[in-house]
Amino acid sequence: MRSLLFLFVSMLFLPLIVHAAEPSADTLRQTIRDHIANQEELQGAFAIVDDRTGDLRQLELVRVHERVGKTGDYYYSCTDMKDVKTGELLDLDFDIEDKAGRLQVADIRFHKDDGIPRFTYNENDQMVPLPVAQLGPTAEGSAITGKVSFMAIEDGLKINAVVLNAPPGKHGIHIHENGSCAEAGNAAGGHFNPDGVLHGDLAKDGFRHAHAGDLGNIEIGPDGKGTLEKVISGLTLETGQYGVIGRSVILHEKEDDFGQPTGNAGGRIACGIIPSS
């Protein structure tokens, strides 16, 4: 009798147990692949509006990331996507919801452009937009573009940069004091130097022996692309002596050799303003 009662109760609650089961990582990743494939079949391509520019961008799937997780009621994972027109590599976040046991994509967000993050998440899993300086050429006829993002972390300020269509080799890259790219970048003023010290390598020498804007060099490859990642202790997104918001990033034509007064890096070939968000 007890066995029959146990069997009856088990069968009664079995649907609840099955429904409560967490989907596997493979299932979540396949949900994303299926969503992209369905859009390609219905529309002829997977296309999504870029919330930053308002442009409709046609993308191809490169891979779905291994990492999956859950925030609140939504599961999530990320993808690497390639822009069919520009060739740019993008990182998109996919939110997945469970509708009575049926998984479906609920939201898609652009997270990174060529490795440069647009936002991060705070301790409450809320999105926090990051200031990103959009680099553009200072001279007509130049095709140089790029992005520089700034993220406050526990160890300081994390700076990520990508530069495209620039001459191969090393180029000085610095934060300048003014938030203007007018006059071929000259309106940006001199290096950000609130302590009035000599030029140097900020990551190695610190604020006592380098300008607060001395980021050193970025190396550009034969394909015209270069990337840079640095964490600078002491720089901040807050207002104050070492705040970078509202200033400019300048890419120079030559290598910064750390000589005086500003590294002998030559002219200003690209510039971007660091926005408030």
C-alpha atoms as a PDB file:
ATOM      1  CA  MET A   1       0.000   0.000   0.000  1.00  0.00           C
ATOM      2  CA  ARG A   2       2.789   2.413   0.903  1.00  0.00           C
ATOM      3  CA  SER A   3       4.511   1.664  -2.411  1.00  0.00           C
ATOM      4  CA  LEU A   4       1.368   2.471  -4.347  1.00  0.00           C
ATOM      5  CA  LEU A   5       0.882   5.711  -2.419  1.00  0.00           C
ATOM      6  CA  PHE A   6       4.491   6.744  -3.058  1.00  0.00           C
ATOM      7  CA  LEU A   7       4.101   5.966  -6.767  1.00  0.00           C
ATOM      8  CA  PHE A   8       0.884   8.011  -6.948  1.00  0.00           C
ATOM      9  CA  VAL A   9       2.475  11.050  -5.242  1.00  0.00           C
ATOM     10  CA  SER A  10       5.585  10.799  -7.430  1.00  0.00           C
ATOM     11  CA  MET A  11       3.510  10.773 -10.609  1.00  0.00           C
ATOM     12  CA  LEU A  12       1.493  13.725  -9.319  1.00  0.00           C
ATOM     13  CA  PHE A  13       4.585  15.907  -8.828  1.00  0.00           C
ATOM     14  CA  LEU A  14       6.649  14.606 -11.751  1.00  0.00           C
ATOM     15  CA  PRO A  15       5.523  17.353 -14.168  1.00  0.00           C
ATOM     16  CA  LEU A  16       6.588  20.008 -11.672  1.00  0.00           C
ATOM     17  CA  ILE A  17       9.979  18.390 -11.233  1.00  0.00           C
ATOM     18  CA  VAL A  18      10.515  18.146 -14.988  1.00  0.00           C
ATOM     19  CA  HIS A  19       9.419  21.736 -15.521  1.00  0.00           C
ATOM     20  CA  ALA A  20      11.774  22.968 -12.803  1.00  0.00           C
ATOM     21  CA  ALA A  21      14.798  21.291 -14.398  1.00  0.00           C
ATOM     22  CA  GLU A  22      17.418  23.740 -15.634  1.00  0.00           C
ATOM     23  CA  PRO A  23      18.173  23.576 -19.384  1.00  0.00           C
ATOM     24  CA  SER A  24      21.649  22.364 -20.244  1.00  0.00           C
ATOM     25  CA  ALA A  25      24.337  24.686 -21.557  1.00  0.00           C
ATOM     26  CA  ASP A  26      24.217  22.905 -24.918  1.00  0.00           C
ATOM     27  CA  THR A  27      20.462  23.466 -25.110  1.00  0.00           C
ATOM     28  CA  LEU A  28      20.842  27.185 -24.399  1.00  0.00           C
ATOM     29  CA  ARG A  29      23.559  27.572 -27.007  1.00  0.00           C
ATOM     30  CA  GLN A  30      21.483  25.642 -29.558  1.00  0.00           C
ATOM     31  CA  THR A  31      18.535  27.954 -28.855  1.00  0.00           C
ATOM     32  CA  ILE A  32      20.681  30.867 -29.986  1.00  0.00           C
ATOM     33  CA  ARG A  33      21.874  29.030 -33.115  1.00  0.00           C
ATOM     34  CA  ASP A  34      18.299  28.111 -33.982  1.00  0.00           C
ATOM     35  CA  HIS A  35      17.123  31.714 -33.520  1.00  0.00           C
ATOM     36  CA  ILE A  36      19.814  33.017 -35.875  1.00  0.00           C
ATOM     37  CA  ALA A  37      19.123  30.290 -38.427  1.00  0.00           C
ATOM     38  CA  ASN A  38      15.382  31.005 -38.333  1.00  0.00           C
ATOM     39  CA  GLN A  39      15.975  34.715 -38.939  1.00  0.00           C
ATOM     40  CA  GLU A  40      18.270  33.909 -41.849  1.00  0.00           C
ATOM     41  CA  GLU A  41      15.604  31.641 -43.346  1.00  0.00           C
ATOM     42  CA  LEU A  42      12.781  34.136 -42.871  1.00  0.00           C
ATOM     43  CA  GLN A  43      14.639  37.318 -43.836  1.00  0.00           C
ATOM     44  CA  GLY A  44      17.455  36.012 -46.006  1.00  0.00           C
ATOM     45  CA  ALA A  45      19.989  37.214 -43.421  1.00  0.00           C
ATOM     46  CA  PHE A  46      20.360  37.811 -39.694  1.00  0.00           C
ATOM     47  CA  ALA A  47      19.982  41.576 -39.336  1.00  0.00           C
ATOM     48  CA  ILE A  48      19.674  43.729 -36.223  1.00  0.00           C
ATOM     49  CA  VAL A  49      19.520  47.465 -35.563  1.00  0.00           C
ATOM     50  CA  ASP A  50      22.596  48.875 -33.853  1.00  0.00           C
ATOM     51  CA  ASP A  51      21.224  50.883 -30.914  1.00  0.00           C
ATOM     52  CA  ARG A  52      24.275  53.137 -30.971  1.00  0.00           C
ATOM     53  CA  THR A  53      24.095  54.230 -34.629  1.00  0.00           C
ATOM     54  CA  GLY A  54      20.553  53.312 -35.654  1.00  0.00           C
ATOM     55  CA  ASP A  55      21.953  51.336 -38.618  1.00  0.00           C
ATOM     56  CA  LEU A  56      20.579  47.957 -39.649  1.00  0.00           C
ATOM     57  CA  ARG A  57      23.554  45.609 -39.579  1.00  0.00           C
ATOM     58  CA  GLN A  58      23.696  42.261 -41.369  1.00  0.00           C
ATOM     59  CA  LEU A  59      25.676  39.724 -39.352  1.00  0.00           C
ATOM     60  CA  GLU A  60      27.062  36.219 -39.710  1.00  0.00           C
ATOM     61  CA  LEU A  61      27.515  33.860 -36.770  1.00  0.00           C
ATOM     62  CA  VAL A  62      31.139  33.000 -35.973  1.00  0.00           C
ATOM     63  CA  ARG A  63      30.591  31.090 -32.739  1.00  0.00           C
ATOM     64  CA  VAL A  64      28.468  30.860 -29.611  1.00  0.00           C
ATOM     65  CA  HIS A  65      30.522  31.266 -26.429  1.00  0.00           C
ATOM     66  CA  GLU A  66      30.936  28.366 -24.051  1.00  0.00           C
ATOM     67  CA  ARG A  67      29.921  30.435 -21.039  1.00  0.00           C
ATOM     68  CA  VAL A  68      26.244  30.481 -20.102  1.00  0.00           C
ATOM     69  CA  GLY A  69      24.491  31.732 -16.989  1.00  0.00           C
ATOM     70  CA  LYS A  70      21.290  33.051 -15.488  1.00  0.00           C
ATOM     71  CA  THR A  71      20.283  36.504 -14.260  1.00  0.00           C
ATOM     72  CA  GLY A  72      16.858  36.815 -12.683  1.00  0.00           C
ATOM     73  CA  ASP A  73      14.337  35.097 -14.935  1.00  0.00           C
ATOM     74  CA  TYR A  74      16.638  34.984 -17.970  1.00  0.00           C
ATOM     75  CA  TYR A  75      19.395  32.677 -19.098  1.00  0.00           C
ATOM     76  CA  TYR A  76      22.157  34.199 -21.191  1.00  0.00           C
ATOM     77  CA  SER A  77      25.101  33.520 -23.444  1.00  0.00           C
ATOM     78  CA  CYS A  78      27.145  35.489 -25.963  1.00  0.00           C
ATOM     79  CA  THR A  79      28.153  35.166 -29.595  1.00  0.00           C
ATOM     80  CA  ASP A  80      30.879  36.382 -31.897  1.00  0.00           C
ATOM     81  CA  MET A  81      29.256  37.834 -34.998  1.00  0.00           C
ATOM     82  CA  LYS A  82      30.861  39.244 -38.146  1.00  0.00           C
ATOM     83  CA  ASP A  83      29.468  42.325 -39.886  1.00  0.00           C
ATOM     84  CA  VAL A  84      29.021  41.245 -43.516  1.00  0.00           C
ATOM     85  CA  LYS A  85      29.660  44.768 -44.838  1.00  0.00           C
ATOM     86  CA  THR A  86      32.547  45.982 -42.692  1.00  0.00           C
ATOM     87  CA  GLY A  87      34.119  42.726 -41.514  1.00  0.00           C
ATOM     88  CA  GLU A  88      34.006  44.037 -37.937  1.00  0.00           C
ATOM     89  CA  LEU A  89      33.881  41.370 -35.225  1.00  0.00           C
ATOM     90  CA  LEU A  90      31.077  41.989 -32.754  1.00  0.00           C
ATOM     91  CA  ASP A  91      30.141  40.418 -29.435  1.00  0.00           C
ATOM     92  CA  LEU A  92      26.369  40.149 -28.902  1.00  0.00           C
ATOM     93  CA  ASP A  93      24.612  39.146 -25.656  1.00  0.00           C
ATOM     94  CA  PHE A  94      21.513  36.940 -25.949  1.00  0.00           C
ATOM     95  CA  ASP A  95      18.884  36.686 -23.197  1.00  0.00           C
ATOM     96  CA  ILE A  96      16.794  33.501 -23.244  1.00  0.00           C
ATOM     97  CA  GLU A  97      13.510  32.977 -21.418  1.00  0.00           C
ATOM     98  CA  ASP A  98      11.753  29.770 -20.513  1.00  0.00           C
ATOM     99  CA  LYS A  99       8.100  29.942 -21.607  1.00  0.00           C
ATOM    100  CA  ALA A 100       6.474  26.930 -19.934  1.00  0.00           C
ATOM    101  CA  GLY A 101       9.355  24.702 -20.931  1.00  0.00           C
ATOM    102  CA  ARG A 102       9.877  26.317 -24.354  1.00  0.00           C
ATOM    103  CA  LEU A 103      13.105  28.307 -24.688  1.00  0.00           C
ATOM    104  CA  GLN A 104      13.142  31.439 -26.812  1.00  0.00           C
ATOM    105  CA  VAL A 105      15.390  34.456 -27.327  1.00  0.00           C
ATOM    106  CA  ALA A 106      13.965  37.454 -25.458  1.00  0.00           C
ATOM    107  CA  ASP A 107      16.565  40.165 -26.079  1.00  0.00           C
ATOM    108  CA  ILE A 108      19.818  40.801 -27.978  1.00  0.00           C
ATOM    109  CA  ARG A 109      22.393  43.489 -27.172  1.00  0.00           C
ATOM    110  CA  PHE A 110      25.600  44.689 -28.815  1.00  0.00           C
ATOM    111  CA  HIS A 111      28.254  44.200 -26.125  1.00  0.00           C
ATOM    112  CA  LYS A 112      31.627  44.649 -27.842  1.00  0.00           C
ATOM    113  CA  ASP A 113      32.973  46.096 -31.077  1.00  0.00           C
ATOM    114  CA  ASP A 114      36.254  44.432 -32.095  1.00  0.00           C
ATOM    115  CA  GLY A 115      36.813  43.600 -28.425  1.00  0.00           C
ATOM    116  CA  ILE A 116      35.916  47.075 -27.143  1.00  0.00           C
ATOM    117  CA  PRO A 117      33.060  46.825 -24.580  1.00  0.00           C
ATOM    118  CA  ARG A 118      30.106  49.189 -24.753  1.00  0.00           C
ATOM    119  CA  PHE A 119      28.960  48.421 -21.223  1.00  0.00           C
ATOM    120  CA  THR A 120      29.678  46.329 -18.153  1.00  0.00           C
ATOM    121  CA  TYR A 121      27.468  44.907 -15.396  1.00  0.00           C
ATOM    122  CA  ASN A 122      27.361  46.094 -11.792  1.00  0.00           C
ATOM    123  CA  GLU A 123      26.978  43.954  -8.665  1.00  0.00           C
ATOM    124  CA  ASN A 124      23.191  43.877  -9.234  1.00  0.00           C
ATOM    125  CA  ASP A 125      23.627  42.592 -12.809  1.00  0.00           C
ATOM    126  CA  GLN A 126      22.460  45.928 -14.189  1.00  0.00           C
ATOM    127  CA  MET A 127      24.043  47.283 -17.354  1.00  0.00           C
ATOM    128  CA  VAL A 128      26.400  50.214 -16.907  1.00  0.00           C
ATOM    129  CA  PRO A 129      27.315  52.064 -20.153  1.00  0.00           C
ATOM    130  CA  LEU A 130      31.024  52.745 -20.637  1.00  0.00           C
ATOM    131  CA  PRO A 131      32.500  55.930 -22.076  1.00  0.00           C
ATOM    132  CA  VAL A 132      33.969  55.113 -25.500  1.00  0.00           C
ATOM    133  CA  ALA A 133      36.029  57.626 -27.470  1.00  0.00           C
ATOM    134  CA  GLN A 134      35.353  57.252 -31.200  1.00  0.00           C
ATOM    135  CA  LEU A 135      38.619  57.913 -33.018  1.00  0.00           C
ATOM    136  CA  GLY A 136      38.513  59.674 -36.366  1.00  0.00           C
ATOM    137  CA  PRO A 137      41.166  61.057 -38.718  1.00  0.00           C
ATOM    138  CA  THR A 138      42.479  64.583 -38.297  1.00  0.00           C
ATOM    139  CA  ALA A 139      43.256  65.015 -42.008  1.00  0.00           C
ATOM    140  CA  GLU A 140      41.110  64.703 -45.118  1.00  0.00           C
ATOM    141  CA  GLY A 141      41.714  61.544 -47.107  1.00  0.00           C
ATOM    142  CA  SER A 142      42.706  59.488 -44.069  1.00  0.00           C
ATOM    143  CA  ALA A 143      40.648  56.370 -43.288  1.00  0.00           C
ATOM    144  CA  ILE A 144      41.871  55.889 -39.696  1.00  0.00           C
ATOM    145  CA  THR A 145      39.145  54.872 -37.271  1.00  0.00           C
ATOM    146  CA  GLY A 146      39.096  53.353 -33.825  1.00  0.00           C
ATOM    147  CA  LYS A 147      37.574  53.118 -30.392  1.00  0.00           C
ATOM    148  CA  VAL A 148      38.932  53.552 -26.874  1.00  0.00           C
ATOM    149  CA  SER A 149      36.831  52.417 -23.899  1.00  0.00           C
ATOM    150  CA  PHE A 150      37.300  53.207 -20.223  1.00  0.00           C
ATOM    151  CA  MET A 151      36.098  50.917 -17.419  1.00  0.00           C
ATOM    152  CA  ALA A 152      36.481  51.527 -13.696  1.00  0.00           C
ATOM    153  CA  ILE A 153      37.660  48.345 -11.971  1.00  0.00           C
ATOM    154  CA  GLU A 154      39.041  47.565  -8.520  1.00  0.00           C
ATOM    155  CA  ASP A 155      42.657  47.998  -9.670  1.00  0.00           C
ATOM    156  CA  GLY A 156      42.118  51.334 -11.424  1.00  0.00           C
ATOM    157  CA  LEU A 157      40.952  52.301 -14.895  1.00  0.00           C
ATOM    158  CA  LYS A 158      40.939  49.621 -17.592  1.00  0.00           C
ATOM    159  CA  ILE A 159      41.600  51.072 -21.034  1.00  0.00           C
ATOM    160  CA  ASN A 160      40.900  49.083 -24.210  1.00  0.00           C
ATOM    161  CA  ALA A 161      41.709  50.459 -27.649  1.00  0.00           C
ATOM    162  CA  VAL A 162      41.414  49.233 -31.214  1.00  0.00           C
ATOM    163  CA  VAL A 163      42.706  51.225 -34.185  1.00  0.00           C
ATOM    164  CA  LEU A 164      41.952  50.421 -37.830  1.00  0.00           C
ATOM    165  CA  ASN A 165      43.425  51.608 -41.158  1.00  0.00           C
ATOM    166  CA  ALA A 166      46.508  53.166 -39.565  1.00  0.00           C
ATOM    167  CA  PRO A 167      50.111  53.018 -40.851  1.00  0.00           C
ATOM    168  CA  PRO A 168      51.959  49.910 -39.573  1.00  0.00           C
ATOM    169  CA  GLY A 169      54.358  50.321 -36.659  1.00  0.00           C
ATOM    170  CA  LYS A 170      54.249  51.854 -33.197  1.00  0.00           C
ATOM    171  CA  HIS A 171      52.291  55.035 -32.566  1.00  0.00           C
ATOM    172  CA  GLY A 172      52.117  57.159 -29.448  1.00  0.00           C
ATOM    173  CA  ILE A 173      48.670  57.287 -27.883  1.00  0.00           C
ATOM    174  CA  HIS A 174      47.873  59.804 -25.159  1.00  0.00           C
ATOM    175  CA  ILE A 175      45.026  61.429 -23.270  1.00  0.00           C
ATOM    176  CA  HIS A 176      45.045  65.166 -23.919  1.00  0.00           C
ATOM    177  CA  GLU A 177      43.643  67.843 -21.676  1.00  0.00           C
ATOM    178  CA  ASN A 178      40.765  69.284 -23.752  1.00  0.00           C
ATOM    179  CA  GLY A 179      37.650  67.617 -25.109  1.00  0.00           C
ATOM    180  CA  SER A 180      37.960  68.902 -28.663  1.00  0.00           C
ATOM    181  CA  CYS A 181      39.282  67.461 -31.927  1.00  0.00           C
ATOM    182  CA  ALA A 182      39.036  70.729 -33.859  1.00  0.00           C
ATOM    183  CA  GLU A 183      41.951  72.260 -35.726  1.00  0.00           C
ATOM    184  CA  ALA A 184      43.252  68.856 -36.863  1.00  0.00           C
ATOM    185  CA  GLY A 185      43.376  67.697 -33.252  1.00  0.00           C
ATOM    186  CA  ASN A 186      45.390  70.658 -31.986  1.00  0.00           C
ATOM    187  CA  ALA A 187      42.405  71.975 -29.997  1.00  0.00           C
ATOM    188  CA  ALA A 188      42.859  68.955 -27.707  1.00  0.00           C
ATOM    189  CA  GLY A 189      45.750  70.850 -26.129  1.00  0.00           C
ATOM    190  CA  GLY A 190      48.744  69.211 -24.501  1.00  0.00           C
ATOM    191  CA  HIS A 191      49.023  65.923 -22.652  1.00  0.00           C
ATOM    192  CA  PHE A 192      46.739  65.588 -19.648  1.00  0.00           C
ATOM    193  CA  ASN A 193      49.243  66.552 -16.943  1.00  0.00           C
ATOM    194  CA  PRO A 194      47.569  67.787 -13.729  1.00  0.00           C
ATOM    195  CA  ASP A 195      50.773  67.358 -11.670  1.00  0.00           C
ATOM    196  CA  GLY A 196      52.986  69.389 -14.028  1.00  0.00           C
ATOM    197  CA  VAL A 197      55.634  66.643 -14.216  1.00  0.00           C
ATOM    198  CA  LEU A 198      57.918  65.391 -16.993  1.00  0.00           C
ATOM    199  CA  HIS A 199      56.786  63.009 -19.743  1.00  0.00           C
ATOM    200  CA  GLY A 200      57.097  59.266 -19.147  1.00  0.00           C
ATOM    201  CA  ASP A 201      55.356  55.894 -19.216  1.00  0.00           C
ATOM    202  CA  LEU A 202      52.453  56.193 -16.778  1.00  0.00           C
ATOM    203  CA  ALA A 203      51.936  52.445 -16.344  1.00  0.00           C
ATOM    204  CA  LYS A 204      55.572  51.990 -15.281  1.00  0.00           C
ATOM    205  CA  ASP A 205      56.550  55.349 -13.801  1.00  0.00           C
ATOM    206  CA  GLY A 206      53.385  56.501 -12.027  1.00  0.00           C
ATOM    207  CA  PHE A 207      52.052  60.034 -11.601  1.00  0.00           C
ATOM    208  CA  ARG A 208      55.274  61.391 -10.086  1.00  0.00           C
ATOM    209  CA  HIS A 209      57.293  60.664 -13.224  1.00  0.00           C
ATOM    210  CA  ALA A 210      54.783  60.711 -16.080  1.00  0.00           C
ATOM    211  CA  HIS A 211      51.843  62.712 -17.378  1.00  0.00           C
ATOM    212  CA  ALA A 212      48.442  61.365 -16.364  1.00  0.00           C
ATOM    213  CA  GLY A 213      47.735  60.963 -20.086  1.00  0.00           C
ATOM    214  CA  ASP A 214      50.925  59.083 -21.024  1.00  0.00           C
ATOM    215  CA  LEU A 215      49.572  55.748 -22.267  1.00  0.00           C
ATOM    216  CA  GLY A 216      52.669  54.851 -24.278  1.00  0.00           C
ATOM    217  CA  ASN A 217      52.329  53.200 -27.693  1.00  0.00           C
ATOM    218  CA  ILE A 218      49.943  51.083 -29.677  1.00  0.00           C
ATOM    219  CA  GLU A 219      51.449  48.764 -32.284  1.00  0.00           C
ATOM    220  CA  ILE A 220      49.733  48.606 -35.660  1.00  0.00           C
ATOM    221  CA  GLY A 221      50.111  45.455 -37.746  1.00  0.00           C
ATOM    222  CA  PRO A 222      50.590  45.120 -41.508  1.00  0.00           C
ATOM    223  CA  ASP A 223      46.794  45.005 -41.912  1.00  0.00           C
ATOM    224  CA  GLY A 224      46.447  48.454 -40.361  1.00  0.00           C
ATOM    225  CA  LYS A 225      44.926  47.163 -37.117  1.00  0.00           C
ATOM    226  CA  GLY A 226      46.268  47.494 -33.594  1.00  0.00           C
ATOM    227  CA  THR A 227      44.916  46.824 -30.117  1.00  0.00           C
ATOM    228  CA  LEU A 228      45.899  48.001 -26.654  1.00  0.00           C
ATOM    229  CA  GLU A 229      44.806  47.031 -23.156  1.00  0.00           C
ATOM    230  CA  LYS A 230      46.127  48.696 -20.009  1.00  0.00           C
ATOM    231  CA  VAL A 231      45.064  49.098 -16.409  1.00  0.00           C
ATOM    232  CA  ILE A 232      46.186  52.403 -14.901  1.00  0.00           C
ATOM    233  CA  SER A 233      45.950  52.695 -11.126  1.00  0.00           C
ATOM    234  CA  GLY A 234      44.778  56.136 -10.045  1.00  0.00           C
ATOM    235  CA  LEU A 235      42.998  57.291 -13.199  1.00  0.00           C
ATOM    236  CA  THR A 236      39.253  57.609 -12.729  1.00  0.00           C
ATOM    237  CA  LEU A 237      35.956  58.283 -14.453  1.00  0.00           C
ATOM    238  CA  GLU A 238      34.950  60.522 -11.576  1.00  0.00           C
ATOM    239  CA  THR A 239      35.524  64.258 -11.479  1.00  0.00           C
ATOM    240  CA  GLY A 240      38.746  65.247  -9.785  1.00  0.00           C
ATOM    241  CA  GLN A 241      42.460  65.561 -10.345  1.00  0.00           C
ATOM    242  CA  TYR A 242      42.837  62.349 -12.348  1.00  0.00           C
ATOM    243  CA  GLY A 243      39.419  62.227 -14.031  1.00  0.00           C
ATOM    244  CA  VAL A 244      39.533  61.553 -17.778  1.00  0.00           C
ATOM    245  CA  ILE A 245      35.905  62.245 -18.724  1.00  0.00           C
ATOM    246  CA  GLY A 246      35.539  65.097 -21.234  1.00  0.00           C
ATOM    247  CA  ARG A 247      39.142  64.923 -22.414  1.00  0.00           C
ATOM    248  CA  SER A 248      40.494  63.608 -25.725  1.00  0.00           C
ATOM    249  CA  VAL A 249      42.518  60.645 -26.961  1.00  0.00           C
ATOM    250  CA  ILE A 250      45.155  61.422 -29.587  1.00  0.00           C
ATOM    251  CA  LEU A 251      46.918  58.945 -31.868  1.00  0.00           C
ATOM    252  CA  HIS A 252      50.268  60.231 -33.102  1.00  0.00           C
ATOM    253  CA  GLU A 253      52.105  59.606 -36.363  1.00  0.00           C
ATOM    254  CA  LYS A 254      55.269  58.228 -34.716  1.00  0.00           C
ATOM    255  CA  GLU A 255      56.403  56.089 -31.813  1.00  0.00           C
ATOM    256  CA  ASP A 256      56.592  57.627 -28.356  1.00  0.00           C
ATOM    257  CA  ASP A 257      60.262  57.219 -27.390  1.00  0.00           C
ATOM    258  CA  PHE A 258      59.587  58.718 -23.922  1.00  0.00           C
ATOM    259  CA  GLY A 259      61.969  61.582 -24.595  1.00  0.00           C
ATOM    260  CA  GLN A 260      61.209  65.110 -23.432  1.00  0.00           C
ATOM    261  CA  PRO A 261      59.006  67.033 -23.507  1.00  0.00           C
ATOM    262  CA  THR A 262      56.289  64.836 -25.074  1.00  0.00           C
ATOM    263  CA  GLY A 263      57.940  61.717 -26.535  1.00  0.00           C
ATOM    264  CA  ASN A 264      58.828  62.937 -30.041  1.00  0.00           C
ATOM    265  CA  ALA A 265      55.725  61.192 -31.391  1.00  0.00           C
ATOM    266  CA  GLY A 266      55.088  63.724 -34.149  1.00  0.00           C
ATOM    267  CA  GLY A 267      51.796  64.959 -35.513  1.00  0.00           C
ATOM    268  CA  ARG A 268      48.256  64.056 -34.501  1.00  0.00           C
ATOM    269  CA  ILE A 269      46.701  61.635 -36.996  1.00  0.00           C
ATOM    270  CA  ALA A 270      43.533  60.650 -35.119  1.00  0.00           C
ATOM    271  CA  CYS A 271      41.440  62.050 -32.283  1.00  0.00           C
ATOM    272  CA  GLY A 272      38.408  61.110 -30.211  1.00  0.00           C
ATOM    273  CA  ILE A 273      36.593  62.750 -27.303  1.00  0.00           C
ATOM    274  CA  ILE A 274      35.967  60.775 -24.106  1.00  0.00           C
ATOM    275  CA  PRO A 275      32.215  61.186 -23.456  1.00  0.00           C
ATOM    276  CA  SER A 276      30.461  61.126 -20.120  1.00  0.00           C
ATOM    277  CA  SER A 277      28.813  57.772 -20.983  1.00  0.00           C
END
